[in-house]
C-alpha atoms as a PDB file:
ATOM      1  CA  MET A   1      -8.341  14.311   3.204  1.00  0.00           C
ATOM      2  CA  ILE A   2     -10.886  13.952   0.404  1.00  0.00           C
ATOM      3  CA  GLU A   3     -12.319  10.493  -0.166  1.00  0.00           C
ATOM      4  CA  LEU A   4     -12.247   9.221  -3.725  1.00  0.00           C
ATOM      5  CA  PRO A   5     -15.305   7.470  -5.179  1.00  0.00           C
ATOM      6  CA  PHE A   6     -12.938   4.642  -6.151  1.00  0.00           C
ATOM      7  CA  LYS A   7      -9.981   2.872  -4.558  1.00  0.00           C
ATOM      8  CA  ARG A   8      -6.625   4.637  -4.377  1.00  0.00           C
ATOM      9  CA  ASP A   9      -5.060   1.913  -6.550  1.00  0.00           C
ATOM     10  CA  GLU A  10      -7.616   2.654  -9.267  1.00  0.00           C
ATOM     11  CA  TYR A  11      -6.825   6.378  -9.021  1.00  0.00           C
ATOM     12  CA  GLN A  12      -3.088   5.728  -9.354  1.00  0.00           C
ATOM     13  CA  GLN A  13      -3.669   3.382 -12.296  1.00  0.00           C
ATOM     14  CA  ARG A  14      -5.729   6.034 -14.092  1.00  0.00           C
ATOM     15  CA  LEU A  15      -2.996   8.621 -13.581  1.00  0.00           C
ATOM     16  CA  ARG A  16      -0.304   6.207 -14.812  1.00  0.00           C
ATOM     17  CA  LYS A  17      -2.269   5.503 -17.990  1.00  0.00           C
ATOM     18  CA  ILE A  18      -2.880   9.199 -18.622  1.00  0.00           C
ATOM     19  CA  ARG A  19       0.768  10.101 -18.015  1.00  0.00           C
ATOM     20  CA  ALA A  20       1.984   7.249 -20.232  1.00  0.00           C
ATOM     21  CA  GLU A  21      -0.267   8.373 -23.086  1.00  0.00           C
ATOM     22  CA  MET A  22       0.831  11.971 -22.620  1.00  0.00           C
ATOM     23  CA  ALA A  23       4.496  10.907 -22.757  1.00  0.00           C
ATOM     24  CA  ARG A  24       3.837   8.783 -25.860  1.00  0.00           C
ATOM     25  CA  ARG A  25       2.337  11.814 -27.610  1.00  0.00           C
ATOM     26  CA  GLY A  26       4.900  14.295 -26.295  1.00  0.00           C
ATOM     27  CA  ILE A  27       2.299  16.212 -24.297  1.00  0.00           C
ATOM     28  CA  GLU A  28       3.590  18.064 -21.233  1.00  0.00           C
ATOM     29  CA  VAL A  29       0.375  19.722 -20.025  1.00  0.00           C
ATOM     30  CA  LEU A  30      -3.149  18.331 -19.921  1.00  0.00           C
ATOM     31  CA  ILE A  31      -6.103  20.687 -19.610  1.00  0.00           C
ATOM     32  CA  VAL A  32      -9.328  18.863 -18.850  1.00  0.00           C
ATOM     33  CA  ASN A  33     -12.444  20.982 -19.227  1.00  0.00           C
ATOM     34  CA  ASP A  34     -15.107  18.315 -19.712  1.00  0.00           C
ATOM     35  CA  VAL A  35     -16.825  17.573 -16.398  1.00  0.00           C
ATOM     36  CA  ALA A  36     -17.142  13.841 -17.119  1.00  0.00           C
ATOM     37  CA  ASN A  37     -13.404  13.590 -17.797  1.00  0.00           C
ATOM     38  CA  GLN A  38     -12.583  15.628 -14.687  1.00  0.00           C
ATOM     39  CA  HIS A  39     -14.688  13.216 -12.662  1.00  0.00           C
ATOM     40  CA  TYR A  40     -12.977  10.182 -14.230  1.00  0.00           C
ATOM     41  CA  ILE A  41      -9.511  11.517 -13.440  1.00  0.00           C
ATOM     42  CA  THR A  42     -10.055  13.088 -10.027  1.00  0.00           C
ATOM     43  CA  GLY A  43     -13.329  11.802  -8.646  1.00  0.00           C
ATOM     44  CA  TYR A  44     -14.501  15.400  -8.253  1.00  0.00           C
ATOM     45  CA  ASP A  45     -18.220  15.818  -8.869  1.00  0.00           C
ATOM     46  CA  GLY A  46     -18.437  19.226 -10.523  1.00  0.00           C
ATOM     47  CA  TRP A  47     -22.041  18.924 -11.647  1.00  0.00           C
ATOM     48  CA  SER A  48     -22.992  21.532  -9.059  1.00  0.00           C
ATOM     49  CA  PHE A  49     -22.375  24.316 -11.578  1.00  0.00           C
ATOM     50  CA  TYR A  50     -25.566  23.370 -13.419  1.00  0.00           C
ATOM     51  CA  THR A  51     -28.504  25.464 -12.277  1.00  0.00           C
ATOM     52  CA  PRO A  52     -32.085  25.577 -13.469  1.00  0.00           C
ATOM     53  CA  PRO A  53     -32.964  28.453 -15.831  1.00  0.00           C
END
């Protein structure tokens, strides 16, 4: 299992807030393409795609 960079309770709270806001706005699908937002939601560090020129 993957370890989160924050506690599981924090992860669940973030998801609840996101889902509540999506429901409030009538949004059924959320596409997150900004790396900082992906990290906030999932804890995944996707900065590895940056490479020097």
